[in-house]
Amino acid sequence: MYEEGDKIGAVDPVTKVDATVSLQNKPWGTHVALRLGNVKGPLTCDLVAVGRNGQEQTVTTWAVPASGYGMDKGDGSPAKWGAEPLYTHGGAAFERADIARFEVRTLDGKHLATVRM
């Protein structure tokens, strides 16, 4: 699903979290696949679509284990859990043109990354 959409990404200058969304127009709104890396856990997070009108819609939620996602283990060993990025997907009722940005947050409100459209 991630490979099929139009991709837009960003690395947050403060958190260094690497987030890329892959978007597909659907009759019901926008299908969104997320690739997330360089995030340390344990955390519970969500991806939120923010409309140009300021409304917010949750696209998906997930948990980050203590080992994180997309973390370079730096020891030269074969890939371990957490070395690969997270891929997840969901949808928003917004039409793509009506989305201003996507925000990756923890469920307790901490900002991790923003992808601007």
Protein backbone atom coordinates (compact mmCIF):
# COMPACT_ATOMS: atom_id res chain seq x y z
CA MET A 1 0.00 0.00 0.00
CA TYR A 2 2.82 2.40 0.87
CA GLU A 3 4.52 1.94 -2.52
CA GLU A 4 1.37 2.72 -4.51
CA GLY A 5 0.68 6.25 -3.26
CA ASP A 6 2.12 9.74 -3.69
CA LYS A 7 4.75 10.25 -1.00
CA ILE A 8 5.48 13.34 1.10
CA GLY A 9 7.88 13.24 4.02
CA ALA A 10 9.72 15.22 6.64
CA VAL A 11 12.26 14.78 9.42
CA ASP A 12 11.40 16.77 12.52
CA PRO A 13 14.27 19.17 13.34
CA VAL A 14 13.85 18.67 17.11
CA THR A 15 12.82 15.01 17.58
CA LYS A 16 14.61 13.70 14.44
CA VAL A 17 11.59 11.44 13.81
CA ASP A 18 11.38 10.57 10.10
CA ALA A 19 7.77 10.43 8.82
CA THR A 20 6.55 9.88 5.26
CA VAL A 21 2.92 9.58 4.23
CA SER A 22 1.80 7.86 1.05
CA LEU A 23 -1.56 9.12 -0.18
CA GLN A 24 -4.23 7.66 -2.44
CA ASN A 25 -7.51 9.36 -3.38
CA LYS A 26 -10.54 7.20 -2.65
CA PRO A 27 -14.28 7.83 -3.14
CA TRP A 28 -14.63 7.93 0.68
CA GLY A 29 -11.67 10.29 1.32
CA THR A 30 -7.92 9.64 1.43
CA HIS A 31 -6.10 6.37 2.10
CA VAL A 32 -2.94 7.10 4.08
CA ALA A 33 0.04 4.78 4.59
CA LEU A 34 2.74 5.90 7.03
CA ARG A 35 6.44 5.02 7.11
CA LEU A 36 7.94 6.03 10.45
CA GLY A 37 11.57 5.82 11.55
CA ASN A 38 14.00 7.07 14.17
CA VAL A 39 11.42 6.89 16.95
CA LYS A 40 12.28 5.48 20.38
CA GLY A 41 9.78 3.75 22.65
CA PRO A 42 7.95 2.76 24.57
CA LEU A 43 5.19 5.03 23.27
CA THR A 44 1.61 4.88 22.04
CA CYS A 45 1.04 7.17 19.07
CA ASP A 46 -1.42 8.39 16.50
CA LEU A 47 -1.36 9.90 13.05
CA VAL A 48 -3.75 12.83 12.72
CA ALA A 49 -4.89 14.50 9.50
CA VAL A 50 -5.44 18.22 10.02
CA GLY A 51 -7.77 19.85 7.52
CA ARG A 52 -7.36 23.28 5.98
CA ASN A 53 -10.42 24.19 8.06
CA GLY A 54 -8.61 23.22 11.29
CA GLN A 55 -10.62 20.04 11.90
CA GLU A 56 -8.69 16.93 12.94
CA GLN A 57 -9.28 13.28 12.05
CA THR A 58 -7.35 10.35 13.51
CA VAL A 59 -5.96 8.16 10.72
CA THR A 60 -4.45 5.34 12.84
CA THR A 61 -2.88 4.52 16.21
CA TRP A 62 -0.03 2.15 17.15
CA ALA A 63 2.46 1.24 19.87
CA VAL A 64 6.23 1.73 19.72
CA PRO A 65 8.19 -0.93 21.64
CA ALA A 66 11.20 0.04 23.77
CA SER A 67 13.52 -0.92 20.89
CA GLY A 68 11.84 1.71 18.69
CA TYR A 69 11.34 1.76 14.93
CA GLY A 70 13.89 2.57 12.27
CA MET A 71 16.71 2.74 14.79
CA ASP A 72 20.26 2.01 13.64
CA LYS A 73 21.62 -0.45 16.21
CA GLY A 74 25.16 0.58 15.25
CA ASP A 75 26.78 -2.72 16.20
CA GLY A 76 27.13 -4.25 12.72
CA SER A 77 24.98 -7.23 13.64
CA PRO A 78 22.10 -8.49 11.48
CA ALA A 79 18.90 -6.47 11.63
CA LYS A 80 17.18 -6.71 14.98
CA TRP A 81 13.66 -5.85 16.05
CA GLY A 82 13.37 -2.09 15.81
CA ALA A 83 15.93 -1.68 13.02
CA GLU A 84 13.17 -1.50 10.38
CA PRO A 85 10.75 1.42 10.13
CA LEU A 86 7.11 1.06 11.08
CA TYR A 87 4.58 0.82 8.27
CA THR A 88 0.91 1.32 9.09
CA HIS A 89 -2.12 2.68 7.30
CA GLY A 90 -5.60 4.05 7.72
CA GLY A 91 -7.86 6.63 6.22
CA ALA A 92 -9.32 10.08 6.58
CA ALA A 93 -12.70 11.28 5.34
CA PHE A 94 -10.98 14.46 4.07
CA GLU A 95 -10.39 14.76 0.36
CA ARG A 96 -6.66 15.08 -0.24
CA ALA A 97 -6.92 18.71 -1.33
CA ASP A 98 -8.56 19.56 2.00
CA ILE A 99 -5.64 18.24 4.12
CA ALA A 100 -3.17 20.86 5.36
CA ARG A 101 -0.81 18.51 7.23
CA PHE A 102 -0.37 15.26 9.09
CA GLU A 103 0.87 15.18 12.68
CA VAL A 104 2.50 12.24 14.45
CA ARG A 105 1.85 12.53 18.18
CA THR A 106 1.92 10.43 21.30
CA LEU A 107 -1.51 9.72 22.74
CA ASP A 108 -0.64 12.00 25.67
CA GLY A 109 -0.08 14.91 23.25
CA LYS A 110 3.68 15.04 22.65
CA HIS A 111 4.58 16.16 19.10
CA LEU A 112 6.87 13.80 17.18
CA ALA A 113 6.68 14.99 13.55
CA THR A 114 4.66 17.07 11.08
CA VAL A 115 4.28 16.39 7.36
CA ARG A 116 3.00 19.49 5.55
CA MET A 117 1.09 19.14 2.30
